[in-house]
Amino acid sequence: MALIVEDGTGLATAESYCTVVEASTFHSNIGNAAWDALASDTIREQCLRKATQYMLQRYRPKWAGWRKTTTQSLDWPRSMVPIKDAPVLYGGSTSYYDDASVPQAVKDACASLALRAATATLFADESRTASSETVGPISVTYDAYSGQAVRYKEIDTMLHPYIKSGGGQVPMVRA
């Protein structure tokens, strides 16, 4: 089945934020030959679907702004996503990202996660790890409260501009 890619209109059937061609370009530009080494475009499409599903589950509650339509299958396109590092316009207006597209960083994050999906489960099952382990003279104690889920710092960093600000902070503008 052909991959259905979000085109910025809020498709109800979209399965991915980026095309195989866009993902191939991303990986080629950063010198990542592992993407080209995948056996076929069918496998690449499956990986892009897995990456998009991960992004939906991991980032849905964190995105800034609102989904453009109530019927779209993915979280992008979005309306009212502020450009955090843009100057405030005359009259105190905030600048916003285009609500008729998927930002390139979101597509790049999807491509990066798709390659990870080719070799590992993005959402691995979690289990309780040992809190203390001794092997011969070496002893290790693990933090009982640290998370066991894998976090992808590269992806979090790529998507940071599109994530809600935390802590209830609001920008102050002098009138």
C-alpha atoms as a PDB file:
ATOM      1  CA  MET A   1       0.000   0.000   0.000  1.00  0.00           C
ATOM      2  CA  ALA A   2       1.398   3.400  -0.980  1.00  0.00           C
ATOM      3  CA  LEU A   3       2.450   5.710   1.821  1.00  0.00           C
ATOM      4  CA  ILE A   4       0.010   8.599   2.358  1.00  0.00           C
ATOM      5  CA  VAL A   5       1.989  11.687   3.353  1.00  0.00           C
ATOM      6  CA  GLU A   6       0.557  14.793   5.007  1.00  0.00           C
ATOM      7  CA  ASP A   7       0.588  17.632   2.465  1.00  0.00           C
ATOM      8  CA  GLY A   8      -0.356  20.510   4.785  1.00  0.00           C
ATOM      9  CA  THR A   9      -4.118  20.290   4.254  1.00  0.00           C
ATOM     10  CA  GLY A  10      -4.883  18.060   7.251  1.00  0.00           C
ATOM     11  CA  LEU A  11      -5.527  14.754   5.482  1.00  0.00           C
ATOM     12  CA  ALA A  12      -7.762  12.300   7.328  1.00  0.00           C
ATOM     13  CA  THR A  13      -5.757   9.383   5.921  1.00  0.00           C
ATOM     14  CA  ALA A  14      -2.149  10.602   6.267  1.00  0.00           C
ATOM     15  CA  GLU A  15       0.340   8.066   7.647  1.00  0.00           C
ATOM     16  CA  SER A  16       3.608   9.983   7.603  1.00  0.00           C
ATOM     17  CA  TYR A  17       5.053  13.457   7.943  1.00  0.00           C
ATOM     18  CA  CYS A  18       7.558  12.923   5.140  1.00  0.00           C
ATOM     19  CA  THR A  19       7.992  11.017   1.915  1.00  0.00           C
ATOM     20  CA  VAL A  20      10.605   8.362   1.212  1.00  0.00           C
ATOM     21  CA  VAL A  21      12.307  10.871  -1.103  1.00  0.00           C
ATOM     22  CA  GLU A  22      12.417  13.544   1.648  1.00  0.00           C
ATOM     23  CA  ALA A  23      13.811  10.999   4.132  1.00  0.00           C
ATOM     24  CA  SER A  24      16.389   9.844   1.592  1.00  0.00           C
ATOM     25  CA  THR A  25      17.463  13.439   0.983  1.00  0.00           C
ATOM     26  CA  PHE A  26      17.755  14.073   4.736  1.00  0.00           C
ATOM     27  CA  HIS A  27      19.929  10.991   5.285  1.00  0.00           C
ATOM     28  CA  SER A  28      22.025  11.650   2.176  1.00  0.00           C
ATOM     29  CA  ASN A  29      22.663  15.258   3.265  1.00  0.00           C
ATOM     30  CA  ILE A  30      24.033  14.146   6.633  1.00  0.00           C
ATOM     31  CA  GLY A  31      26.060  11.302   5.114  1.00  0.00           C
ATOM     32  CA  ASN A  32      23.973   8.514   6.595  1.00  0.00           C
ATOM     33  CA  ALA A  33      24.314   5.555   4.193  1.00  0.00           C
ATOM     34  CA  ALA A  34      22.337   3.193   6.466  1.00  0.00           C
ATOM     35  CA  TRP A  35      19.039   4.507   5.032  1.00  0.00           C
ATOM     36  CA  ASP A  36      20.097   3.590   1.483  1.00  0.00           C
ATOM     37  CA  ALA A  37      21.147   0.171   2.761  1.00  0.00           C
ATOM     38  CA  LEU A  38      17.558  -0.715   3.674  1.00  0.00           C
ATOM     39  CA  ALA A  39      16.259  -3.410   1.325  1.00  0.00           C
ATOM     40  CA  SER A  40      13.408  -1.527  -0.366  1.00  0.00           C
ATOM     41  CA  ASP A  41      11.129   1.485  -0.435  1.00  0.00           C
ATOM     42  CA  THR A  42       8.425  -0.727   1.077  1.00  0.00           C
ATOM     43  CA  ILE A  43      10.592  -1.169   4.180  1.00  0.00           C
ATOM     44  CA  ARG A  44      11.394   2.561   4.223  1.00  0.00           C
ATOM     45  CA  GLU A  45       7.649   3.345   4.098  1.00  0.00           C
ATOM     46  CA  GLN A  46       6.986   0.962   6.984  1.00  0.00           C
ATOM     47  CA  CYS A  47       9.720   2.666   8.998  1.00  0.00           C
ATOM     48  CA  LEU A  48       8.249   6.105   8.260  1.00  0.00           C
ATOM     49  CA  ARG A  49       4.848   4.890   9.467  1.00  0.00           C
ATOM     50  CA  LYS A  50       6.425   3.604  12.699  1.00  0.00           C
ATOM     51  CA  ALA A  51       8.295   6.881  13.185  1.00  0.00           C
ATOM     52  CA  THR A  52       5.124   8.908  12.691  1.00  0.00           C
ATOM     53  CA  GLN A  53       3.224   6.718  15.146  1.00  0.00           C
ATOM     54  CA  TYR A  54       5.986   7.252  17.693  1.00  0.00           C
ATOM     55  CA  MET A  55       5.794  11.011  17.186  1.00  0.00           C
ATOM     56  CA  LEU A  56       2.004  10.959  17.633  1.00  0.00           C
ATOM     57  CA  GLN A  57       2.254   9.064  20.898  1.00  0.00           C
ATOM     58  CA  ARG A  58       5.294  10.858  22.293  1.00  0.00           C
ATOM     59  CA  TYR A  59       4.635  14.467  21.291  1.00  0.00           C
ATOM     60  CA  ARG A  60       0.838  14.848  20.907  1.00  0.00           C
ATOM     61  CA  PRO A  61       0.331  16.378  24.364  1.00  0.00           C
ATOM     62  CA  LYS A  62       3.413  18.577  23.975  1.00  0.00           C
ATOM     63  CA  TRP A  63       2.914  20.370  20.665  1.00  0.00           C
ATOM     64  CA  ALA A  64       2.223  24.090  20.800  1.00  0.00           C
ATOM     65  CA  GLY A  65      -0.863  25.412  19.049  1.00  0.00           C
ATOM     66  CA  TRP A  66      -3.811  23.382  17.811  1.00  0.00           C
ATOM     67  CA  ARG A  67      -4.438  20.854  15.073  1.00  0.00           C
ATOM     68  CA  LYS A  68      -5.675  22.615  11.947  1.00  0.00           C
ATOM     69  CA  THR A  69      -8.780  20.407  11.559  1.00  0.00           C
ATOM     70  CA  THR A  70     -10.645  17.984  13.789  1.00  0.00           C
ATOM     71  CA  THR A  71     -10.577  15.284  11.120  1.00  0.00           C
ATOM     72  CA  GLN A  72      -6.858  15.179  10.315  1.00  0.00           C
ATOM     73  CA  SER A  73      -5.102  11.952  11.260  1.00  0.00           C
ATOM     74  CA  LEU A  74      -1.763  13.489  12.299  1.00  0.00           C
ATOM     75  CA  ASP A  75      -0.823  16.337  14.635  1.00  0.00           C
ATOM     76  CA  TRP A  76       0.475  18.551  11.818  1.00  0.00           C
ATOM     77  CA  PRO A  77      -0.471  20.896  10.256  1.00  0.00           C
ATOM     78  CA  ARG A  78      -1.107  23.045  13.323  1.00  0.00           C
ATOM     79  CA  SER A  79      -2.427  26.556  13.843  1.00  0.00           C
ATOM     80  CA  MET A  80      -1.143  29.185  16.253  1.00  0.00           C
ATOM     81  CA  VAL A  81       2.314  27.671  16.818  1.00  0.00           C
ATOM     82  CA  PRO A  82       4.405  30.664  17.893  1.00  0.00           C
ATOM     83  CA  ILE A  83       7.838  31.279  16.431  1.00  0.00           C
ATOM     84  CA  LYS A  84       9.719  31.527  19.726  1.00  0.00           C
ATOM     85  CA  ASP A  85      12.755  33.421  18.479  1.00  0.00           C
ATOM     86  CA  ALA A  86      10.913  35.831  16.146  1.00  0.00           C
ATOM     87  CA  PRO A  87      10.609  39.447  17.153  1.00  0.00           C
ATOM     88  CA  VAL A  88       7.233  40.567  18.417  1.00  0.00           C
ATOM     89  CA  LEU A  89       5.552  42.476  15.634  1.00  0.00           C
ATOM     90  CA  TYR A  90       4.401  46.070  15.890  1.00  0.00           C
ATOM     91  CA  GLY A  91       1.403  46.243  18.178  1.00  0.00           C
ATOM     92  CA  GLY A  92       2.496  43.258  20.263  1.00  0.00           C
ATOM     93  CA  SER A  93       1.516  40.554  17.766  1.00  0.00           C
ATOM     94  CA  THR A  94       3.316  37.230  17.867  1.00  0.00           C
ATOM     95  CA  SER A  95       4.689  35.572  14.719  1.00  0.00           C
ATOM     96  CA  TYR A  96       3.380  32.075  13.938  1.00  0.00           C
ATOM     97  CA  TYR A  97       4.502  29.168  11.785  1.00  0.00           C
ATOM     98  CA  ASP A  98       2.586  28.540   8.563  1.00  0.00           C
ATOM     99  CA  ASP A  99      -0.488  26.418   9.303  1.00  0.00           C
ATOM    100  CA  ALA A 100      -0.634  24.983   5.781  1.00  0.00           C
ATOM    101  CA  SER A 101       2.522  22.877   5.974  1.00  0.00           C
ATOM    102  CA  VAL A 102       4.555  20.466   8.045  1.00  0.00           C
ATOM    103  CA  PRO A 103       7.754  22.167   9.294  1.00  0.00           C
ATOM    104  CA  GLN A 104      10.982  20.798   7.840  1.00  0.00           C
ATOM    105  CA  ALA A 105      12.296  19.955  11.322  1.00  0.00           C
ATOM    106  CA  VAL A 106       9.226  17.744  11.926  1.00  0.00           C
ATOM    107  CA  LYS A 107       9.892  15.956   8.624  1.00  0.00           C
ATOM    108  CA  ASP A 108      13.597  15.580   9.506  1.00  0.00           C
ATOM    109  CA  ALA A 109      12.738  14.177  12.939  1.00  0.00           C
ATOM    110  CA  CYS A 110      10.405  11.678  11.287  1.00  0.00           C
ATOM    111  CA  ALA A 111      13.169  10.630   8.871  1.00  0.00           C
ATOM    112  CA  SER A 112      15.673  10.240  11.699  1.00  0.00           C
ATOM    113  CA  LEU A 113      13.263   8.159  13.774  1.00  0.00           C
ATOM    114  CA  ALA A 114      12.423   6.031  10.726  1.00  0.00           C
ATOM    115  CA  LEU A 115      16.032   4.872  10.490  1.00  0.00           C
ATOM    116  CA  ARG A 116      16.003   3.995  14.191  1.00  0.00           C
ATOM    117  CA  ALA A 117      12.761   2.063  13.595  1.00  0.00           C
ATOM    118  CA  ALA A 118      14.572  -0.062  11.010  1.00  0.00           C
ATOM    119  CA  THR A 119      16.800  -1.586  13.688  1.00  0.00           C
ATOM    120  CA  ALA A 120      14.929  -1.232  16.982  1.00  0.00           C
ATOM    121  CA  THR A 121      11.512  -0.836  18.532  1.00  0.00           C
ATOM    122  CA  LEU A 122      10.937   2.854  19.199  1.00  0.00           C
ATOM    123  CA  PHE A 123       8.554   2.131  22.080  1.00  0.00           C
ATOM    124  CA  ALA A 124      10.183  -0.806  23.816  1.00  0.00           C
ATOM    125  CA  ASP A 125       8.365  -2.480  26.674  1.00  0.00           C
ATOM    126  CA  GLU A 126       9.641  -1.363  30.060  1.00  0.00           C
ATOM    127  CA  SER A 127      10.476  -3.551  32.987  1.00  0.00           C
ATOM    128  CA  ARG A 128      11.879  -2.961  36.423  1.00  0.00           C
ATOM    129  CA  THR A 129      15.668  -3.102  36.470  1.00  0.00           C
ATOM    130  CA  ALA A 130      17.781  -4.333  39.320  1.00  0.00           C
ATOM    131  CA  SER A 131      18.472  -1.650  41.879  1.00  0.00           C
ATOM    132  CA  SER A 132      21.810  -3.194  42.821  1.00  0.00           C
ATOM    133  CA  GLU A 133      24.129  -5.534  40.986  1.00  0.00           C
ATOM    134  CA  THR A 134      27.428  -7.088  42.093  1.00  0.00           C
ATOM    135  CA  VAL A 135      29.862  -8.895  39.830  1.00  0.00           C
ATOM    136  CA  GLY A 136      33.031  -9.868  41.643  1.00  0.00           C
ATOM    137  CA  PRO A 137      34.535  -6.819  43.337  1.00  0.00           C
ATOM    138  CA  ILE A 138      32.400  -4.389  41.315  1.00  0.00           C
ATOM    139  CA  SER A 139      29.052  -3.206  42.657  1.00  0.00           C
ATOM    140  CA  VAL A 140      26.583  -0.931  40.879  1.00  0.00           C
ATOM    141  CA  THR A 141      23.407   0.620  42.302  1.00  0.00           C
ATOM    142  CA  TYR A 142      20.809   2.070  39.943  1.00  0.00           C
ATOM    143  CA  ASP A 143      18.525   4.993  40.650  1.00  0.00           C
ATOM    144  CA  ALA A 144      15.160   3.490  41.558  1.00  0.00           C
ATOM    145  CA  TYR A 145      13.289   6.494  40.147  1.00  0.00           C
ATOM    146  CA  SER A 146      15.038   7.029  36.839  1.00  0.00           C
ATOM    147  CA  GLY A 147      13.050   6.373  33.680  1.00  0.00           C
ATOM    148  CA  GLN A 148      13.727   3.269  31.682  1.00  0.00           C
ATOM    149  CA  ALA A 149      12.197   4.387  28.403  1.00  0.00           C
ATOM    150  CA  VAL A 150      14.617   5.349  25.646  1.00  0.00           C
ATOM    151  CA  ARG A 151      14.737   9.075  24.959  1.00  0.00           C
ATOM    152  CA  TYR A 152      16.003  10.436  21.693  1.00  0.00           C
ATOM    153  CA  LYS A 153      17.734  13.718  22.589  1.00  0.00           C
ATOM    154  CA  GLU A 154      18.436  14.515  18.933  1.00  0.00           C
ATOM    155  CA  ILE A 155      14.721  14.314  18.127  1.00  0.00           C
ATOM    156  CA  ASP A 156      13.690  16.276  21.227  1.00  0.00           C
ATOM    157  CA  THR A 157      16.148  19.001  20.236  1.00  0.00           C
ATOM    158  CA  MET A 158      14.947  19.104  16.623  1.00  0.00           C
ATOM    159  CA  LEU A 159      11.338  19.491  17.755  1.00  0.00           C
ATOM    160  CA  HIS A 160      11.961  21.919  20.625  1.00  0.00           C
ATOM    161  CA  PRO A 161      10.772  25.027  18.718  1.00  0.00           C
ATOM    162  CA  TYR A 162       7.338  23.427  18.239  1.00  0.00           C
ATOM    163  CA  ILE A 163       6.805  22.300  21.830  1.00  0.00           C
ATOM    164  CA  LYS A 164       4.722  24.245  24.358  1.00  0.00           C
ATOM    165  CA  SER A 165       6.614  26.307  26.884  1.00  0.00           C
ATOM    166  CA  GLY A 166       6.409  24.793  30.348  1.00  0.00           C
ATOM    167  CA  GLY A 167       6.098  26.081  33.848  1.00  0.00           C
ATOM    168  CA  GLY A 168       3.184  28.406  33.216  1.00  0.00           C
ATOM    169  CA  GLN A 169       5.535  31.119  31.998  1.00  0.00           C
ATOM    170  CA  VAL A 170       4.169  33.739  29.705  1.00  0.00           C
ATOM    171  CA  PRO A 171       6.153  36.364  27.812  1.00  0.00           C
ATOM    172  CA  MET A 172       5.798  39.873  29.200  1.00  0.00           C
ATOM    173  CA  VAL A 173       5.408  42.708  26.751  1.00  0.00           C
ATOM    174  CA  ARG A 174       5.622  46.320  27.848  1.00  0.00           C
ATOM    175  CA  ALA A 175       2.686  48.313  26.512  1.00  0.00           C
END
